[in-house]
Amino acid sequence: MGGEIKQVVVMRTDLKMGRGKMAAQAGHAFVMGAERVRLTHPGWYADWWDGGQKKIVLKASGLESLRGLKMDAIRAGLPYAEVSDAGHTQLDPGTVTCVSVGPAPESAVDRITGDLKLL
């Protein structure tokens, strides 16, 4: 796997979160995913960091779709991070809101997320 490195967050749209809530959840996913990659794939992390930290947010219709995406990432050997809400504001504690894939080679990430639409 080579080429550019990017990170994708896939957000559930069925939860009807406010924009600020979605932004916060995406922030959690980007940080958790990046930290995992920094520790497990330092070369990918360095290339991603030096290349401007390419990020994108896509949407999933619900939990089943999100879990399927996570399983696809696991099968492909790609790093991921799943975000569960703490339940302090709009959602019940433990509600899974989004999943991060990468930072990882763009071609590999696109094989998992390439059919999803922008949030």
PDB file of N, CA and C in Angstrom:
ATOM      1  N   MET A   1       0.847  -1.182   0.000  1.00  0.00           N
ATOM      2  CA  MET A   1       0.000   0.000   0.000  1.00  0.00           C
ATOM      3  C   MET A   1       0.884   1.234   0.000  1.00  0.00           C
ATOM      4  N   GLY A   2       0.627   2.104  -0.923  1.00  0.00           N
ATOM      5  CA  GLY A   2       1.398   3.328  -1.001  1.00  0.00           C
ATOM      6  C   GLY A   2       0.506   4.494  -1.348  1.00  0.00           C
ATOM      7  N   GLY A   3       1.115   5.607  -1.675  1.00  0.00           N
ATOM      8  CA  GLY A   3       0.363   6.790  -2.058  1.00  0.00           C
ATOM      9  C   GLY A   3       0.032   7.672  -0.883  1.00  0.00           C
ATOM     10  N   GLU A   4      -0.909   8.572  -1.126  1.00  0.00           N
ATOM     11  CA  GLU A   4      -1.319   9.510  -0.084  1.00  0.00           C
ATOM     12  C   GLU A   4      -1.991   8.793   1.078  1.00  0.00           C
ATOM     13  N   ILE A   5      -1.923   9.443   2.226  1.00  0.00           N
ATOM     14  CA  ILE A   5      -2.544   8.915   3.446  1.00  0.00           C
ATOM     15  C   ILE A   5      -3.725   9.813   3.787  1.00  0.00           C
ATOM     16  N   LYS A   6      -4.848   9.196   4.145  1.00  0.00           N
ATOM     17  CA  LYS A   6      -5.997   9.993   4.574  1.00  0.00           C
ATOM     18  C   LYS A   6      -6.734   9.287   5.697  1.00  0.00           C
ATOM     19  N   GLN A   7      -7.582  10.051   6.329  1.00  0.00           N
ATOM     20  CA  GLN A   7      -8.427   9.545   7.413  1.00  0.00           C
ATOM     21  C   GLN A   7      -9.870   9.896   7.092  1.00  0.00           C
ATOM     22  N   VAL A   8     -10.754   8.945   7.317  1.00  0.00           N
ATOM     23  CA  VAL A   8     -12.177   9.133   7.066  1.00  0.00           C
ATOM     24  C   VAL A   8     -12.943   8.871   8.354  1.00  0.00           C
ATOM     25  N   VAL A   9     -13.909   9.718   8.634  1.00  0.00           N
ATOM     26  CA  VAL A   9     -14.862   9.461   9.709  1.00  0.00           C
ATOM     27  C   VAL A   9     -16.222   9.263   9.064  1.00  0.00           C
ATOM     28  N   VAL A  10     -16.894   8.197   9.462  1.00  0.00           N
ATOM     29  CA  VAL A  10     -18.236   7.904   8.968  1.00  0.00           C
ATOM     30  C   VAL A  10     -19.207   8.117  10.122  1.00  0.00           C
ATOM     31  N   MET A  11     -20.142   9.036   9.905  1.00  0.00           N
ATOM     32  CA  MET A  11     -21.069   9.496  10.942  1.00  0.00           C
ATOM     33  C   MET A  11     -22.466   8.916  10.712  1.00  0.00           C
ATOM     34  N   ARG A  12     -23.084   8.446  11.771  1.00  0.00           N
ATOM     35  CA  ARG A  12     -24.488   8.002  11.694  1.00  0.00           C
ATOM     36  C   ARG A  12     -25.403   9.201  11.495  1.00  0.00           C
ATOM     37  N   THR A  13     -26.322   9.076  10.548  1.00  0.00           N
ATOM     38  CA  THR A  13     -27.279  10.165  10.305  1.00  0.00           C
ATOM     39  C   THR A  13     -28.647   9.885  10.925  1.00  0.00           C
ATOM     40  N   ASP A  14     -28.872   8.660  11.365  1.00  0.00           N
ATOM     41  CA  ASP A  14     -30.178   8.318  11.937  1.00  0.00           C
ATOM     42  C   ASP A  14     -30.370   8.870  13.344  1.00  0.00           C
ATOM     43  N   LEU A  15     -29.327   9.329  13.980  1.00  0.00           N
ATOM     44  CA  LEU A  15     -29.425   9.812  15.360  1.00  0.00           C
ATOM     45  C   LEU A  15     -29.936  11.242  15.454  1.00  0.00           C
ATOM     46  N   LYS A  16     -29.951  11.939  14.344  1.00  0.00           N
ATOM     47  CA  LYS A  16     -30.446  13.328  14.303  1.00  0.00           C
ATOM     48  C   LYS A  16     -29.714  14.224  15.295  1.00  0.00           C
ATOM     49  N   MET A  17     -28.395  14.042  15.362  1.00  0.00           N
ATOM     50  CA  MET A  17     -27.573  14.895  16.222  1.00  0.00           C
ATOM     51  C   MET A  17     -27.519  16.309  15.659  1.00  0.00           C
ATOM     52  N   GLY A  18     -27.381  17.282  16.536  1.00  0.00           N
ATOM     53  CA  GLY A  18     -27.162  18.650  16.090  1.00  0.00           C
ATOM     54  C   GLY A  18     -25.786  18.768  15.439  1.00  0.00           C
ATOM     55  N   ARG A  19     -25.586  19.842  14.702  1.00  0.00           N
ATOM     56  CA  ARG A  19     -24.305  20.036  14.005  1.00  0.00           C
ATOM     57  C   ARG A  19     -23.119  20.082  14.966  1.00  0.00           C
ATOM     58  N   GLY A  20     -23.307  20.768  16.071  1.00  0.00           N
ATOM     59  CA  GLY A  20     -22.219  20.845  17.045  1.00  0.00           C
ATOM     60  C   GLY A  20     -21.880  19.485  17.626  1.00  0.00           C
ATOM     61  N   LYS A  21     -22.898  18.691  17.903  1.00  0.00           N
ATOM     62  CA  LYS A  21     -22.698  17.343  18.435  1.00  0.00           C
ATOM     63  C   LYS A  21     -21.954  16.490  17.418  1.00  0.00           C
ATOM     64  N   MET A  22     -22.365  16.567  16.144  1.00  0.00           N
ATOM     65  CA  MET A  22     -21.666  15.797  15.108  1.00  0.00           C
ATOM     66  C   MET A  22     -20.216  16.238  14.986  1.00  0.00           C
ATOM     67  N   ALA A  23     -19.980  17.537  15.071  1.00  0.00           N
ATOM     68  CA  ALA A  23     -18.604  18.041  14.985  1.00  0.00           C
ATOM     69  C   ALA A  23     -17.762  17.506  16.141  1.00  0.00           C
ATOM     70  N   ALA A  24     -18.332  17.496  17.344  1.00  0.00           N
ATOM     71  CA  ALA A  24     -17.604  16.980  18.502  1.00  0.00           C
ATOM     72  C   ALA A  24     -17.314  15.491  18.360  1.00  0.00           C
ATOM     73  N   GLN A  25     -18.296  14.728  17.890  1.00  0.00           N
ATOM     74  CA  GLN A  25     -18.102  13.288  17.721  1.00  0.00           C
ATOM     75  C   GLN A  25     -17.043  13.008  16.653  1.00  0.00           C
ATOM     76  N   ALA A  26     -17.091  13.761  15.559  1.00  0.00           N
ATOM     77  CA  ALA A  26     -16.065  13.608  14.520  1.00  0.00           C
ATOM     78  C   ALA A  26     -14.688  13.949  15.083  1.00  0.00           C
ATOM     79  N   GLY A  27     -14.620  14.995  15.901  1.00  0.00           N
ATOM     80  CA  GLY A  27     -13.347  15.358  16.534  1.00  0.00           C
ATOM     81  C   GLY A  27     -12.802  14.226  17.378  1.00  0.00           C
ATOM     82  N   HIS A  28     -13.661  13.593  18.169  1.00  0.00           N
ATOM     83  CA  HIS A  28     -13.232  12.437  18.969  1.00  0.00           C
ATOM     84  C   HIS A  28     -12.673  11.347  18.056  1.00  0.00           C
ATOM     85  N   ALA A  29     -13.388  11.054  16.984  1.00  0.00           N
ATOM     86  CA  ALA A  29     -12.976   9.971  16.085  1.00  0.00           C
ATOM     87  C   ALA A  29     -11.647  10.287  15.401  1.00  0.00           C
ATOM     88  N   PHE A  30     -11.479  11.519  14.942  1.00  0.00           N
ATOM     89  CA  PHE A  30     -10.226  11.884  14.284  1.00  0.00           C
ATOM     90  C   PHE A  30      -9.045  11.767  15.246  1.00  0.00           C
ATOM     91  N   VAL A  31      -9.216  12.257  16.465  1.00  0.00           N
ATOM     92  CA  VAL A  31      -8.115  12.201  17.439  1.00  0.00           C
ATOM     93  C   VAL A  31      -7.832  10.753  17.851  1.00  0.00           C
ATOM     94  N   MET A  32      -8.866   9.989  18.166  1.00  0.00           N
ATOM     95  CA  MET A  32      -8.663   8.592  18.579  1.00  0.00           C
ATOM     96  C   MET A  32      -7.992   7.780  17.466  1.00  0.00           C
ATOM     97  N   GLY A  33      -8.478   7.946  16.244  1.00  0.00           N
ATOM     98  CA  GLY A  33      -7.903   7.213  15.124  1.00  0.00           C
ATOM     99  C   GLY A  33      -6.467   7.607  14.853  1.00  0.00           C
ATOM    100  N   ALA A  34      -6.190   8.899  14.866  1.00  0.00           N
ATOM    101  CA  ALA A  34      -4.826   9.379  14.610  1.00  0.00           C
ATOM    102  C   ALA A  34      -3.869   8.886  15.688  1.00  0.00           C
ATOM    103  N   GLU A  35      -4.280   8.917  16.932  1.00  0.00           N
ATOM    104  CA  GLU A  35      -3.407   8.454  18.017  1.00  0.00           C
ATOM    105  C   GLU A  35      -3.121   6.961  17.883  1.00  0.00           C
ATOM    106  N   ARG A  36      -4.129   6.184  17.520  1.00  0.00           N
ATOM    107  CA  ARG A  36      -3.923   4.747  17.323  1.00  0.00           C
ATOM    108  C   ARG A  36      -2.898   4.512  16.212  1.00  0.00           C
ATOM    109  N   VAL A  37      -3.016   5.252  15.117  1.00  0.00           N
ATOM    110  CA  VAL A  37      -2.089   5.088  13.995  1.00  0.00           C
ATOM    111  C   VAL A  37      -0.692   5.592  14.368  1.00  0.00           C
ATOM    112  N   ARG A  38      -0.625   6.657  15.143  1.00  0.00           N
ATOM    113  CA  ARG A  38       0.687   7.163  15.588  1.00  0.00           C
ATOM    114  C   ARG A  38       1.456   6.080  16.328  1.00  0.00           C
ATOM    115  N   LEU A  39       0.733   5.279  17.111  1.00  0.00           N
ATOM    116  CA  LEU A  39       1.378   4.232  17.904  1.00  0.00           C
ATOM    117  C   LEU A  39       1.618   2.940  17.124  1.00  0.00           C
ATOM    118  N   THR A  40       0.737   2.611  16.184  1.00  0.00           N
ATOM    119  CA  THR A  40       0.825   1.313  15.505  1.00  0.00           C
ATOM    120  C   THR A  40       1.432   1.369  14.109  1.00  0.00           C
ATOM    121  N   HIS A  41       1.322   2.499  13.436  1.00  0.00           N
ATOM    122  CA  HIS A  41       1.851   2.669  12.072  1.00  0.00           C
ATOM    123  C   HIS A  41       2.529   4.039  11.981  1.00  0.00           C
ATOM    124  N   PRO A  42       3.651   4.222  12.673  1.00  0.00           N
ATOM    125  CA  PRO A  42       4.262   5.556  12.730  1.00  0.00           C
ATOM    126  C   PRO A  42       4.633   6.129  11.369  1.00  0.00           C
ATOM    127  N   GLY A  43       4.944   5.279  10.397  1.00  0.00           N
ATOM    128  CA  GLY A  43       5.262   5.775   9.055  1.00  0.00           C
ATOM    129  C   GLY A  43       4.046   6.391   8.378  1.00  0.00           C
ATOM    130  N   TRP A  44       2.895   5.711   8.496  1.00  0.00           N
ATOM    131  CA  TRP A  44       1.651   6.269   7.952  1.00  0.00           C
ATOM    132  C   TRP A  44       1.320   7.588   8.637  1.00  0.00           C
ATOM    133  N   TYR A  45       1.476   7.596   9.961  1.00  0.00           N
ATOM    134  CA  TYR A  45       1.164   8.806  10.705  1.00  0.00           C
ATOM    135  C   TYR A  45       2.043   9.963  10.247  1.00  0.00           C
ATOM    136  N   ALA A  46       3.345   9.717  10.126  1.00  0.00           N
ATOM    137  CA  ALA A  46       4.272  10.779   9.719  1.00  0.00           C
ATOM    138  C   ALA A  46       3.931  11.295   8.324  1.00  0.00           C
ATOM    139  N   ASP A  47       3.623  10.378   7.396  1.00  0.00           N
ATOM    140  CA  ASP A  47       3.260  10.792   6.039  1.00  0.00           C
ATOM    141  C   ASP A  47       1.957  11.597   6.047  1.00  0.00           C
ATOM    142  N   TRP A  48       1.000  11.171   6.862  1.00  0.00           N
ATOM    143  CA  TRP A  48      -0.279  11.877   6.972  1.00  0.00           C
ATOM    144  C   TRP A  48      -0.059  13.273   7.566  1.00  0.00           C
ATOM    145  N   TRP A  49       0.706  13.326   8.633  1.00  0.00           N
ATOM    146  CA  TRP A  49       0.965  14.604   9.306  1.00  0.00           C
ATOM    147  C   TRP A  49       1.688  15.564   8.372  1.00  0.00           C
ATOM    148  N   ASP A  50       2.741  15.084   7.750  1.00  0.00           N
ATOM    149  CA  ASP A  50       3.537  15.931   6.855  1.00  0.00           C
ATOM    150  C   ASP A  50       2.776  16.312   5.589  1.00  0.00           C
ATOM    151  N   GLY A  51       1.790  15.500   5.212  1.00  0.00           N
ATOM    152  CA  GLY A  51       1.017  15.762   4.007  1.00  0.00           C
ATOM    153  C   GLY A  51      -0.212  16.629   4.222  1.00  0.00           C
ATOM    154  N   GLY A  52      -0.384  17.176   5.407  1.00  0.00           N
ATOM    155  CA  GLY A  52      -1.494  18.093   5.675  1.00  0.00           C
ATOM    156  C   GLY A  52      -2.690  17.474   6.365  1.00  0.00           C
ATOM    157  N   GLN A  53      -2.571  16.238   6.868  1.00  0.00           N
ATOM    158  CA  GLN A  53      -3.622  15.542   7.627  1.00  0.00           C
ATOM    159  C   GLN A  53      -4.949  15.490   6.865  1.00  0.00           C
ATOM    160  N   LYS A  54      -4.937  14.904   5.683  1.00  0.00           N
ATOM    161  CA  LYS A  54      -6.141  14.801   4.855  1.00  0.00           C
ATOM    162  C   LYS A  54      -7.241  14.060   5.619  1.00  0.00           C
ATOM    163  N   LYS A  55      -8.437  14.722   5.702  1.00  0.00           N
ATOM    164  CA  LYS A  55      -9.577  14.169   6.441  1.00  0.00           C
ATOM    165  C   LYS A  55     -10.845  14.380   5.629  1.00  0.00           C
ATOM    166  N   ILE A  56     -11.799  13.483   5.839  1.00  0.00           N
ATOM    167  CA  ILE A  56     -13.097  13.599   5.181  1.00  0.00           C
ATOM    168  C   ILE A  56     -14.153  13.000   6.108  1.00  0.00           C
ATOM    169  N   VAL A  57     -15.373  13.538   6.063  1.00  0.00           N
ATOM    170  CA  VAL A  57     -16.479  13.002   6.861  1.00  0.00           C
ATOM    171  C   VAL A  57     -17.573  12.537   5.898  1.00  0.00           C
ATOM    172  N   LEU A  58     -17.964  11.283   6.070  1.00  0.00           N
ATOM    173  CA  LEU A  58     -18.985  10.650   5.243  1.00  0.00           C
ATOM    174  C   LEU A  58     -20.148  10.245   6.128  1.00  0.00           C
ATOM    175  N   LYS A  59     -21.222   9.764   5.506  1.00  0.00           N
ATOM    176  CA  LYS A  59     -22.392   9.405   6.313  1.00  0.00           C
ATOM    177  C   LYS A  59     -22.787   7.949   6.127  1.00  0.00           C
ATOM    178  N   ALA A  60     -23.332   7.411   7.218  1.00  0.00           N
ATOM    179  CA  ALA A  60     -23.901   6.061   7.241  1.00  0.00           C
ATOM    180  C   ALA A  60     -25.331   6.188   7.747  1.00  0.00           C
ATOM    181  N   SER A  61     -26.194   5.336   7.234  1.00  0.00           N
ATOM    182  CA  SER A  61     -27.615   5.451   7.565  1.00  0.00           C
ATOM    183  C   SER A  61     -27.955   4.998   8.979  1.00  0.00           C
ATOM    184  N   GLY A  62     -27.130   4.136   9.576  1.00  0.00           N
ATOM    185  CA  GLY A  62     -27.441   3.651  10.910  1.00  0.00           C
ATOM    186  C   GLY A  62     -26.334   2.785  11.483  1.00  0.00           C
ATOM    187  N   LEU A  63     -26.613   2.207  12.638  1.00  0.00           N
ATOM    188  CA  LEU A  63     -25.622   1.426  13.366  1.00  0.00           C
ATOM    189  C   LEU A  63     -25.177   0.199  12.577  1.00  0.00           C
ATOM    190  N   GLU A  64     -26.101  -0.489  11.945  1.00  0.00           N
ATOM    191  CA  GLU A  64     -25.735  -1.698  11.206  1.00  0.00           C
ATOM    192  C   GLU A  64     -24.757  -1.379  10.075  1.00  0.00           C
ATOM    193  N   SER A  65     -25.018  -0.305   9.371  1.00  0.00           N
ATOM    194  CA  SER A  65     -24.129   0.131   8.294  1.00  0.00           C
ATOM    195  C   SER A  65     -22.748   0.487   8.842  1.00  0.00           C
ATOM    196  N   LEU A  66     -22.722   1.184   9.964  1.00  0.00           N
ATOM    197  CA  LEU A  66     -21.463   1.582  10.588  1.00  0.00           C
ATOM    198  C   LEU A  66     -20.669   0.364  11.057  1.00  0.00           C
ATOM    199  N   ARG A  67     -21.350  -0.581  11.674  1.00  0.00           N
ATOM    200  CA  ARG A  67     -20.677  -1.793  12.144  1.00  0.00           C
ATOM    201  C   ARG A  67     -20.134  -2.618  10.968  1.00  0.00           C
ATOM    202  N   GLY A  68     -20.874  -2.667   9.865  1.00  0.00           N
ATOM    203  CA  GLY A  68     -20.395  -3.357   8.675  1.00  0.00           C
ATOM    204  C   GLY A  68     -19.124  -2.728   8.137  1.00  0.00           C
ATOM    205  N   LEU A  69     -19.089  -1.404   8.135  1.00  0.00           N
ATOM    206  CA  LEU A  69     -17.906  -0.676   7.698  1.00  0.00           C
ATOM    207  C   LEU A  69     -16.717  -0.986   8.609  1.00  0.00           C
ATOM    208  N   LYS A  70     -16.965  -1.010   9.900  1.00  0.00           N
ATOM    209  CA  LYS A  70     -15.899  -1.325  10.856  1.00  0.00           C
ATOM    210  C   LYS A  70     -15.354  -2.725  10.597  1.00  0.00           C
ATOM    211  N   MET A  71     -16.233  -3.676  10.360  1.00  0.00           N
ATOM    212  CA  MET A  71     -15.794  -5.051  10.080  1.00  0.00           C
ATOM    213  C   MET A  71     -14.993  -5.118   8.779  1.00  0.00           C
ATOM    214  N   ASP A  72     -15.389  -4.351   7.771  1.00  0.00           N
ATOM    215  CA  ASP A  72     -14.630  -4.292   6.519  1.00  0.00           C
ATOM    216  C   ASP A  72     -13.228  -3.753   6.770  1.00  0.00           C
ATOM    217  N   ALA A  73     -13.123  -2.735   7.616  1.00  0.00           N
ATOM    218  CA  ALA A  73     -11.804  -2.173   7.951  1.00  0.00           C
ATOM    219  C   ALA A  73     -10.950  -3.208   8.674  1.00  0.00           C
ATOM    220  N   ILE A  74     -11.547  -3.925   9.604  1.00  0.00           N
ATOM    221  CA  ILE A  74     -10.808  -4.959  10.336  1.00  0.00           C
ATOM    222  C   ILE A  74     -10.305  -6.029   9.378  1.00  0.00           C
ATOM    223  N   ARG A  75     -11.191  -6.511   8.495  1.00  0.00           N
ATOM    224  CA  ARG A  75     -10.793  -7.539   7.527  1.00  0.00           C
ATOM    225  C   ARG A  75      -9.673  -7.052   6.604  1.00  0.00           C
ATOM    226  N   ALA A  76      -9.680  -5.760   6.286  1.00  0.00           N
ATOM    227  CA  ALA A  76      -8.658  -5.193   5.405  1.00  0.00           C
ATOM    228  C   ALA A  76      -7.372  -4.847   6.148  1.00  0.00           C
ATOM    229  N   GLY A  77      -7.374  -5.008   7.468  1.00  0.00           N
ATOM    230  CA  GLY A  77      -6.184  -4.687   8.260  1.00  0.00           C
ATOM    231  C   GLY A  77      -5.955  -3.197   8.430  1.00  0.00           C
ATOM    232  N   LEU A  78      -7.026  -2.419   8.342  1.00  0.00           N
ATOM    233  CA  LEU A  78      -6.909  -0.967   8.487  1.00  0.00           C
ATOM    234  C   LEU A  78      -7.236  -0.543   9.916  1.00  0.00           C
ATOM    235  N   PRO A  79      -6.509   0.442  10.417  1.00  0.00           N
ATOM    236  CA  PRO A  79      -6.811   0.942  11.761  1.00  0.00           C
ATOM    237  C   PRO A  79      -8.145   1.681  11.782  1.00  0.00           C
ATOM    238  N   TYR A  80      -8.856   1.539  12.887  1.00  0.00           N
ATOM    239  CA  TYR A  80     -10.156   2.188  13.042  1.00  0.00           C
ATOM    240  C   TYR A  80     -10.309   2.609  14.497  1.00  0.00           C
ATOM    241  N   ALA A  81     -11.271   3.485  14.724  1.00  0.00           N
ATOM    242  CA  ALA A  81     -11.656   3.873  16.080  1.00  0.00           C
ATOM    243  C   ALA A  81     -13.162   4.060  16.082  1.00  0.00           C
ATOM    244  N   GLU A  82     -13.831   3.466  17.060  1.00  0.00           N
ATOM    245  CA  GLU A  82     -15.278   3.587  17.196  1.00  0.00           C
ATOM    246  C   GLU A  82     -15.572   4.522  18.353  1.00  0.00           C
ATOM    247  N   VAL A  83     -16.455   5.490  18.130  1.00  0.00           N
ATOM    248  CA  VAL A  83     -16.805   6.472  19.157  1.00  0.00           C
ATOM    249  C   VAL A  83     -18.163   6.135  19.747  1.00  0.00           C
ATOM    250  N   SER A  84     -18.202   6.030  21.072  1.00  0.00           N
ATOM    251  CA  SER A  84     -19.452   5.850  21.822  1.00  0.00           C
ATOM    252  C   SER A  84     -19.645   7.077  22.691  1.00  0.00           C
ATOM    253  N   ASP A  85     -20.824   7.648  22.652  1.00  0.00           N
ATOM    254  CA  ASP A  85     -21.104   8.882  23.373  1.00  0.00           C
ATOM    255  C   ASP A  85     -21.159   8.652  24.878  1.00  0.00           C
ATOM    256  N   ALA A  86     -20.735   9.648  25.635  1.00  0.00           N
ATOM    257  CA  ALA A  86     -20.756   9.562  27.094  1.00  0.00           C
ATOM    258  C   ALA A  86     -22.158   9.781  27.668  1.00  0.00           C
ATOM    259  N   GLY A  87     -23.057  10.351  26.873  1.00  0.00           N
ATOM    260  CA  GLY A  87     -24.435  10.525  27.334  1.00  0.00           C
ATOM    261  C   GLY A  87     -24.687  11.775  28.145  1.00  0.00           C
ATOM    262  N   HIS A  88     -23.833  12.785  28.017  1.00  0.00           N
ATOM    263  CA  HIS A  88     -24.018  14.002  28.809  1.00  0.00           C
ATOM    264  C   HIS A  88     -25.024  14.976  28.214  1.00  0.00           C
ATOM    265  N   THR A  89     -25.307  14.861  26.914  1.00  0.00           N
ATOM    266  CA  THR A  89     -26.189  15.858  26.291  1.00  0.00           C
ATOM    267  C   THR A  89     -27.321  15.197  25.509  1.00  0.00           C
ATOM    268  N   GLN A  90     -27.152  14.978  24.227  1.00  0.00           N
ATOM    269  CA  GLN A  90     -28.248  14.594  23.337  1.00  0.00           C
ATOM    270  C   GLN A  90     -28.515  13.097  23.239  1.00  0.00           C
ATOM    271  N   LEU A  91     -27.565  12.269  23.598  1.00  0.00           N
ATOM    272  CA  LEU A  91     -27.672  10.825  23.352  1.00  0.00           C
ATOM    273  C   LEU A  91     -27.566  10.026  24.639  1.00  0.00           C
ATOM    274  N   ASP A  92     -28.070   8.801  24.589  1.00  0.00           N
ATOM    275  CA  ASP A  92     -27.918   7.897  25.726  1.00  0.00           C
ATOM    276  C   ASP A  92     -26.468   7.442  25.834  1.00  0.00           C
ATOM    277  N   PRO A  93     -25.980   7.186  27.061  1.00  0.00           N
ATOM    278  CA  PRO A  93     -24.615   6.705  27.233  1.00  0.00           C
ATOM    279  C   PRO A  93     -24.386   5.423  26.421  1.00  0.00           C
ATOM    280  N   GLY A  94     -23.235   5.374  25.759  1.00  0.00           N
ATOM    281  CA  GLY A  94     -22.853   4.195  25.004  1.00  0.00           C
ATOM    282  C   GLY A  94     -23.342   4.168  23.566  1.00  0.00           C
ATOM    283  N   THR A  95     -24.088   5.191  23.147  1.00  0.00           N
ATOM    284  CA  THR A  95     -24.555   5.241  21.762  1.00  0.00           C
ATOM    285  C   THR A  95     -23.370   5.395  20.823  1.00  0.00           C
ATOM    286  N   VAL A  96     -23.225   4.465  19.885  1.00  0.00           N
ATOM    287  CA  VAL A  96     -22.149   4.540  18.899  1.00  0.00           C
ATOM    288  C   VAL A  96     -22.545   5.579  17.854  1.00  0.00           C
ATOM    289  N   THR A  97     -21.682   6.586  17.668  1.00  0.00           N
ATOM    290  CA  THR A  97     -22.009   7.705  16.782  1.00  0.00           C
ATOM    291  C   THR A  97     -21.256   7.689  15.458  1.00  0.00           C
ATOM    292  N   CYS A  98     -20.005   7.233  15.487  1.00  0.00           N
ATOM    293  CA  CYS A  98     -19.202   7.279  14.273  1.00  0.00           C
ATOM    294  C   CYS A  98     -17.997   6.353  14.392  1.00  0.00           C
ATOM    295  N   VAL A  99     -17.364   6.125  13.242  1.00  0.00           N
ATOM    296  CA  VAL A  99     -16.165   5.298  13.161  1.00  0.00           C
ATOM    297  C   VAL A  99     -15.142   6.031  12.309  1.00  0.00           C
ATOM    298  N   SER A 100     -13.909   6.003  12.757  1.00  0.00           N
ATOM    299  CA  SER A 100     -12.787   6.530  11.982  1.00  0.00           C
ATOM    300  C   SER A 100     -12.073   5.370  11.300  1.00  0.00           C
ATOM    301  N   VAL A 101     -11.678   5.555  10.049  1.00  0.00           N
ATOM    302  CA  VAL A 101     -10.822   4.601   9.347  1.00  0.00           C
ATOM    303  C   VAL A 101      -9.566   5.364   8.941  1.00  0.00           C
ATOM    304  N   GLY A 102      -8.399   4.829   9.348  1.00  0.00           N
ATOM    305  CA  GLY A 102      -7.135   5.496   9.057  1.00  0.00           C
ATOM    306  C   GLY A 102      -6.756   6.429  10.185  1.00  0.00           C
ATOM    307  N   PRO A 103      -5.756   7.235   9.914  1.00  0.00           N
ATOM    308  CA  PRO A 103      -5.046   7.499   8.687  1.00  0.00           C
ATOM    309  C   PRO A 103      -4.366   6.241   8.134  1.00  0.00           C
ATOM    310  N   ALA A 104      -4.551   6.051   6.830  1.00  0.00           N
ATOM    311  CA  ALA A 104      -4.013   4.891   6.135  1.00  0.00           C
ATOM    312  C   ALA A 104      -3.919   5.241   4.650  1.00  0.00           C
ATOM    313  N   PRO A 105      -3.271   4.393   3.870  1.00  0.00           N
ATOM    314  CA  PRO A 105      -3.175   4.684   2.434  1.00  0.00           C
ATOM    315  C   PRO A 105      -4.554   4.922   1.821  1.00  0.00           C
ATOM    316  N   GLU A 106      -4.640   6.001   1.062  1.00  0.00           N
ATOM    317  CA  GLU A 106      -5.915   6.432   0.497  1.00  0.00           C
ATOM    318  C   GLU A 106      -6.595   5.343  -0.322  1.00  0.00           C
ATOM    319  N   SER A 107      -5.843   4.608  -1.105  1.00  0.00           N
ATOM    320  CA  SER A 107      -6.443   3.574  -1.946  1.00  0.00           C
ATOM    321  C   SER A 107      -7.116   2.495  -1.106  1.00  0.00           C
ATOM    322  N   ALA A 108      -6.517   2.138   0.019  1.00  0.00           N
ATOM    323  CA  ALA A 108      -7.097   1.121   0.905  1.00  0.00           C
ATOM    324  C   ALA A 108      -8.335   1.654   1.612  1.00  0.00           C
ATOM    325  N   VAL A 109      -8.280   2.892   2.074  1.00  0.00           N
ATOM    326  CA  VAL A 109      -9.433   3.510   2.737  1.00  0.00           C
ATOM    327  C   VAL A 109     -10.596   3.626   1.751  1.00  0.00           C
ATOM    328  N   ASP A 110     -10.293   4.011   0.510  1.00  0.00           N
ATOM    329  CA  ASP A 110     -11.341   4.175  -0.497  1.00  0.00           C
ATOM    330  C   ASP A 110     -12.031   2.849  -0.833  1.00  0.00           C
ATOM    331  N   ARG A 111     -11.305   1.741  -0.747  1.00  0.00           N
ATOM    332  CA  ARG A 111     -11.942   0.437  -0.999  1.00  0.00           C
ATOM    333  C   ARG A 111     -13.033   0.156   0.037  1.00  0.00           C
ATOM    334  N   ILE A 112     -12.896   0.712   1.235  1.00  0.00           N
ATOM    335  CA  ILE A 112     -13.868   0.506   2.315  1.00  0.00           C
ATOM    336  C   ILE A 112     -14.967   1.570   2.284  1.00  0.00           C
ATOM    337  N   THR A 113     -14.596   2.815   2.013  1.00  0.00           N
ATOM    338  CA  THR A 113     -15.529   3.938   2.183  1.00  0.00           C
ATOM    339  C   THR A 113     -15.908   4.642   0.883  1.00  0.00           C
ATOM    340  N   GLY A 114     -15.359   4.215  -0.230  1.00  0.00           N
ATOM    341  CA  GLY A 114     -15.503   4.939  -1.490  1.00  0.00           C
ATOM    342  C   GLY A 114     -16.928   5.091  -2.002  1.00  0.00           C
ATOM    343  N   ASP A 115     -17.854   4.239  -1.595  1.00  0.00           N
ATOM    344  CA  ASP A 115     -19.232   4.337  -2.063  1.00  0.00           C
ATOM    345  C   ASP A 115     -20.113   5.209  -1.177  1.00  0.00           C
ATOM    346  N   LEU A 116     -19.563   5.705  -0.077  1.00  0.00           N
ATOM    347  CA  LEU A 116     -20.361   6.517   0.848  1.00  0.00           C
ATOM    348  C   LEU A 116     -20.412   7.981   0.397  1.00  0.00           C
ATOM    349  N   LYS A 117     -21.452   8.672   0.813  1.00  0.00           N
ATOM    350  CA  LYS A 117     -21.659  10.071   0.431  1.00  0.00           C
ATOM    351  C   LYS A 117     -21.109  10.997   1.514  1.00  0.00           C
ATOM    352  N   LEU A 118     -20.718  12.200   1.074  1.00  0.00           N
ATOM    353  CA  LEU A 118     -20.251  13.221   2.004  1.00  0.00           C
ATOM    354  C   LEU A 118     -21.357  13.608   2.977  1.00  0.00           C
ATOM    355  N   LEU A 119     -20.956  13.902   4.215  1.00  0.00           N
ATOM    356  CA  LEU A 119     -21.920  14.367   5.216  1.00  0.00           C
ATOM    357  C   LEU A 119     -22.308  15.747   4.860  1.00  0.00           C
TER     358      LEU A 119
END
